[in-house]
Protein backbone atom coordinates (compact mmCIF):
# COMPACT_ATOMS: atom_id res chain seq x y z
CA UNK A 1 79.30 77.66 109.67
CA UNK A 2 77.39 79.24 106.63
CA UNK A 3 76.64 82.94 105.71
CA UNK A 4 73.17 82.56 107.13
CA UNK A 5 73.84 81.32 110.38
CA UNK A 6 76.90 83.93 111.37
CA UNK A 7 74.44 86.87 110.59
CA UNK A 8 72.00 84.84 112.95
CA UNK A 9 74.85 84.54 115.71
CA UNK A 10 75.45 88.24 114.62
CA UNK A 11 71.92 89.53 115.67
CA UNK A 12 71.66 90.78 112.59
CA UNK A 13 69.29 90.50 109.35
CA UNK A 14 70.76 88.25 106.67
CA UNK A 15 67.63 88.48 104.92
CA UNK A 16 68.00 92.55 104.38
CA UNK A 17 72.32 92.10 103.54
CA UNK A 18 71.64 89.85 100.73
CA UNK A 19 68.84 92.20 99.39
CA UNK A 20 70.52 95.23 99.53
CA UNK A 21 73.90 93.69 98.48
CA UNK A 22 71.67 91.50 95.75
CA UNK A 23 73.19 88.25 96.07
CA UNK A 24 75.03 85.99 98.78
CA UNK A 25 78.24 85.75 96.71
CA UNK A 26 78.64 89.29 97.30
CA UNK A 27 77.84 89.17 100.76
CA UNK A 28 80.44 86.32 101.59
CA UNK A 29 83.22 88.08 99.52
CA UNK A 30 83.22 91.27 101.34
CA UNK A 31 82.36 89.76 104.83
CA UNK A 32 85.38 87.81 104.39
CA UNK A 33 87.35 90.54 103.64
CA UNK A 34 86.09 92.37 106.75
CA UNK A 35 89.32 90.64 109.45
CA UNK A 36 91.51 92.83 107.17
CA UNK A 37 90.00 96.04 107.24
CA UNK A 38 92.56 98.68 108.74
CA UNK A 39 89.92 100.78 110.84
CA UNK A 40 89.61 98.64 114.67
CA UNK A 41 93.74 98.21 114.12
CA UNK A 42 93.85 101.96 113.55
CA UNK A 43 91.31 102.42 116.20
CA UNK A 44 92.99 100.59 118.85
CA UNK A 45 96.31 102.63 118.15
CA UNK A 46 94.69 105.92 117.95
CA UNK A 47 93.73 105.50 120.91
CA UNK A 48 96.90 103.79 122.82
CA UNK A 49 98.70 106.82 121.29
CA UNK A 50 95.96 109.38 122.83
CA UNK A 51 95.54 110.95 119.42
CA UNK A 52 91.46 111.63 119.63
CA UNK A 53 91.26 113.18 115.49
CA UNK A 54 92.36 110.00 114.34
CA UNK A 55 90.38 107.67 117.06
CA UNK A 56 87.50 109.68 116.08
CA UNK A 57 88.10 108.57 111.79
CA UNK A 58 88.55 105.01 112.58
CA UNK A 59 85.91 104.49 115.02
CA UNK A 60 83.60 106.77 112.18
CA UNK A 61 85.20 104.31 109.59
CA UNK A 62 84.52 101.42 111.68
CA UNK A 63 80.92 101.89 111.88
CA UNK A 64 80.32 102.46 107.95
CA UNK A 65 81.68 99.57 107.41
CA UNK A 66 79.58 97.72 109.95
CA UNK A 67 76.82 99.47 108.70
CA UNK A 68 76.85 98.73 105.35
CA UNK A 69 77.66 94.53 105.97
CA UNK A 70 74.70 94.60 108.74
CA UNK A 71 76.73 93.82 111.55
CA UNK A 72 74.54 95.27 113.56
CA UNK A 73 75.45 94.58 116.97
CA UNK A 74 79.22 96.41 116.28
CA UNK A 75 77.64 98.84 114.19
CA UNK A 76 75.50 100.26 117.01
CA UNK A 77 78.33 100.01 119.34
CA UNK A 78 80.78 101.68 116.97
CA UNK A 79 78.11 103.99 116.47
CA UNK A 80 78.01 105.43 119.89
CA UNK A 81 81.65 105.08 120.68
CA UNK A 82 82.22 107.74 117.78
CA UNK A 83 79.60 110.27 119.12
CA UNK A 84 82.20 110.13 122.57
CA UNK A 85 84.64 110.82 120.49
CA UNK A 86 83.28 113.50 118.24
CA UNK A 87 85.06 116.13 120.31
CA UNK A 88 87.97 114.56 119.57
CA UNK A 89 88.69 113.77 123.06
CA UNK A 90 89.74 110.22 124.78
CA UNK A 91 87.32 110.32 127.79
CA UNK A 92 87.35 107.79 130.19
CA UNK A 93 83.48 106.97 129.00
CA UNK A 94 85.31 106.60 125.37
CA UNK A 95 87.95 103.98 127.41
CA UNK A 96 85.23 101.86 128.72
CA UNK A 97 82.49 102.19 125.25
CA UNK A 98 85.97 100.82 123.38
CA UNK A 99 86.23 98.14 125.27
CA UNK A 100 82.38 97.01 124.41
CA UNK A 101 83.75 97.46 120.70
CA UNK A 102 86.93 95.36 121.16
CA UNK A 103 84.67 92.43 122.45
CA UNK A 104 82.03 92.43 120.21
CA UNK A 105 85.18 93.01 117.53
CA UNK A 106 86.63 90.21 118.55
CA UNK A 107 83.18 87.72 118.59
CA UNK A 108 82.31 89.20 115.13
CA UNK A 109 85.69 88.31 113.55
CA UNK A 110 85.72 85.03 114.89
CA UNK A 111 82.39 84.32 113.65
CA UNK A 112 83.49 85.45 110.55
CA UNK A 113 86.47 83.33 109.98
CA UNK A 114 84.36 80.03 110.33
CA UNK A 115 82.44 80.69 107.69
CA UNK A 116 81.96 77.73 105.06
CA UNK A 117 83.42 79.75 101.96
């Protein structure tokens, strides 16, 4: 799969991210590092262990990384989760929102791992 096809499947704006980062090679490099970022595993652990402060920070970090990489759909979901966690409390709604983030994260990483780099 090409980088453009990946962004299309992720419902994101390929041309905009290339414009923002300057060239396709830079997009590929940063996008290929996304699955190794610690924000998502940190979010999972914090939610599982009931640590609201850490869950908020991890969700906020994930949101920022997605925004910077132009991963629009996951960004929007992480943004909603971040706002639900803003009071540093893990609510039932936060757990439901996290499940949506989890599904989209898995889908996103699968597409990224199928890139032809």
